[in-house]
């Protein structure tokens, strides 16, 4: 049985892609974090900022991604980040209650 690592799954074309892999991993963490934080209205600052950061890293990752596995993780993370961002914005936004 062949030994498969996360790196070998993401780099299915046989070439290393460190930047897209890092962007996919960061988006895969920020997206669910934003979505989870958005479940509590009092956490709207953390949810909206994590969502915005996840949208930015996921968008950039989509531009530079080279394999289908990277794109798959990016799209899932982007969906979660966007949902968390929008719910965070609905509950108070990026600066709600802090700047006036």
Protein backbone atom coordinates (compact mmCIF):
# COMPACT_ATOMS: atom_id res chain seq x y z
CA UNK A 1 0.00 0.00 0.00
CA UNK A 2 1.42 3.38 -1.00
CA UNK A 3 2.16 5.95 1.68
CA UNK A 4 -0.01 9.03 1.06
CA UNK A 5 0.55 12.33 2.80
CA UNK A 6 -1.50 15.51 2.67
CA UNK A 7 1.25 17.03 0.55
CA UNK A 8 1.03 14.21 -1.99
CA UNK A 9 -2.75 14.62 -2.22
CA UNK A 10 -2.53 18.36 -2.82
CA UNK A 11 0.40 18.01 -5.22
CA UNK A 12 -1.22 15.38 -7.41
CA UNK A 13 0.64 16.62 -10.49
CA UNK A 14 3.97 15.70 -8.88
CA UNK A 15 5.18 19.28 -8.43
CA UNK A 16 5.36 21.12 -5.10
CA UNK A 17 2.98 24.06 -4.62
CA UNK A 18 3.82 25.50 -1.20
CA UNK A 19 1.94 28.81 -1.52
CA UNK A 20 -1.38 27.35 -2.77
CA UNK A 21 -1.13 24.57 -0.17
CA UNK A 22 -0.65 27.07 2.65
CA UNK A 23 -3.50 29.24 1.37
CA UNK A 24 -5.78 26.18 1.18
CA UNK A 25 -4.85 25.13 4.71
CA UNK A 26 -5.38 28.64 6.14
CA UNK A 27 -8.73 28.94 4.38
CA UNK A 28 -9.73 25.48 5.64
CA UNK A 29 -9.11 26.69 9.20
CA UNK A 30 -10.52 30.23 8.96
CA UNK A 31 -13.73 29.20 7.16
CA UNK A 32 -15.08 26.77 9.75
CA UNK A 33 -13.83 29.03 12.56
CA UNK A 34 -15.83 31.95 11.16
CA UNK A 35 -18.88 29.75 10.68
CA UNK A 36 -18.67 28.37 14.21
CA UNK A 37 -18.11 31.82 15.77
CA UNK A 38 -21.06 33.25 13.86
CA UNK A 39 -23.42 30.97 15.79
CA UNK A 40 -23.10 33.32 18.78
CA UNK A 41 -24.25 36.90 18.06
CA UNK A 42 -21.82 38.26 20.70
CA UNK A 43 -18.89 36.87 18.70
CA UNK A 44 -19.69 38.95 15.61
CA UNK A 45 -16.31 40.73 15.67
CA UNK A 46 -14.30 37.49 15.59
CA UNK A 47 -16.67 35.84 13.10
CA UNK A 48 -16.69 38.73 10.65
CA UNK A 49 -12.90 39.25 10.77
CA UNK A 50 -12.16 35.52 10.47
CA UNK A 51 -14.63 35.30 7.60
CA UNK A 52 -13.10 38.28 5.83
CA UNK A 53 -9.60 36.84 6.22
CA UNK A 54 -10.86 33.45 4.97
CA UNK A 55 -12.46 35.07 1.93
CA UNK A 56 -9.22 36.91 1.14
CA UNK A 57 -6.97 33.85 1.51
CA UNK A 58 -9.44 31.62 -0.32
CA UNK A 59 -9.84 34.06 -3.19
CA UNK A 60 -6.09 34.44 -3.59
CA UNK A 61 -5.71 30.68 -3.31
CA UNK A 62 -8.18 30.16 -6.14
CA UNK A 63 -6.14 32.47 -8.34
CA UNK A 64 -2.88 30.61 -7.78
CA UNK A 65 -4.11 27.02 -7.22
CA UNK A 66 -2.73 24.35 -9.49
CA UNK A 67 -4.60 21.14 -8.64
CA UNK A 68 -8.18 20.02 -8.19
CA UNK A 69 -7.57 18.98 -4.58
CA UNK A 70 -6.42 22.50 -3.68
CA UNK A 71 -9.45 24.01 -5.40
CA UNK A 72 -11.81 21.61 -3.64
CA UNK A 73 -10.52 22.56 -0.19
CA UNK A 74 -10.54 26.24 -1.13
CA UNK A 75 -14.15 26.21 -2.30
CA UNK A 76 -15.37 24.46 0.86
CA UNK A 77 -13.38 26.86 3.05
CA UNK A 78 -14.57 29.87 1.05
CA UNK A 79 -18.20 28.85 1.46
CA UNK A 80 -17.81 28.50 5.22
CA UNK A 81 -15.85 31.77 5.49
CA UNK A 82 -18.41 33.70 3.46
CA UNK A 83 -21.32 32.33 5.48
CA UNK A 84 -19.55 33.14 8.75
CA UNK A 85 -18.67 36.60 7.45
CA UNK A 86 -22.23 37.39 6.40
CA UNK A 87 -23.73 36.16 9.65
CA UNK A 88 -21.12 38.11 11.62
CA UNK A 89 -21.99 41.22 9.62
CA UNK A 90 -25.69 40.67 10.30
CA UNK A 91 -25.04 40.49 14.04
CA UNK A 92 -22.97 43.67 14.28
CA UNK A 93 -20.22 43.67 11.72
CA UNK A 94 -16.52 44.31 11.72
CA UNK A 95 -16.59 47.30 14.06
CA UNK A 96 -20.06 47.07 15.65
CA UNK A 97 -20.02 48.65 19.08
CA UNK A 98 -16.29 49.37 18.98
CA UNK A 99 -16.18 52.48 16.78
CA UNK A 100 -19.25 54.39 17.87
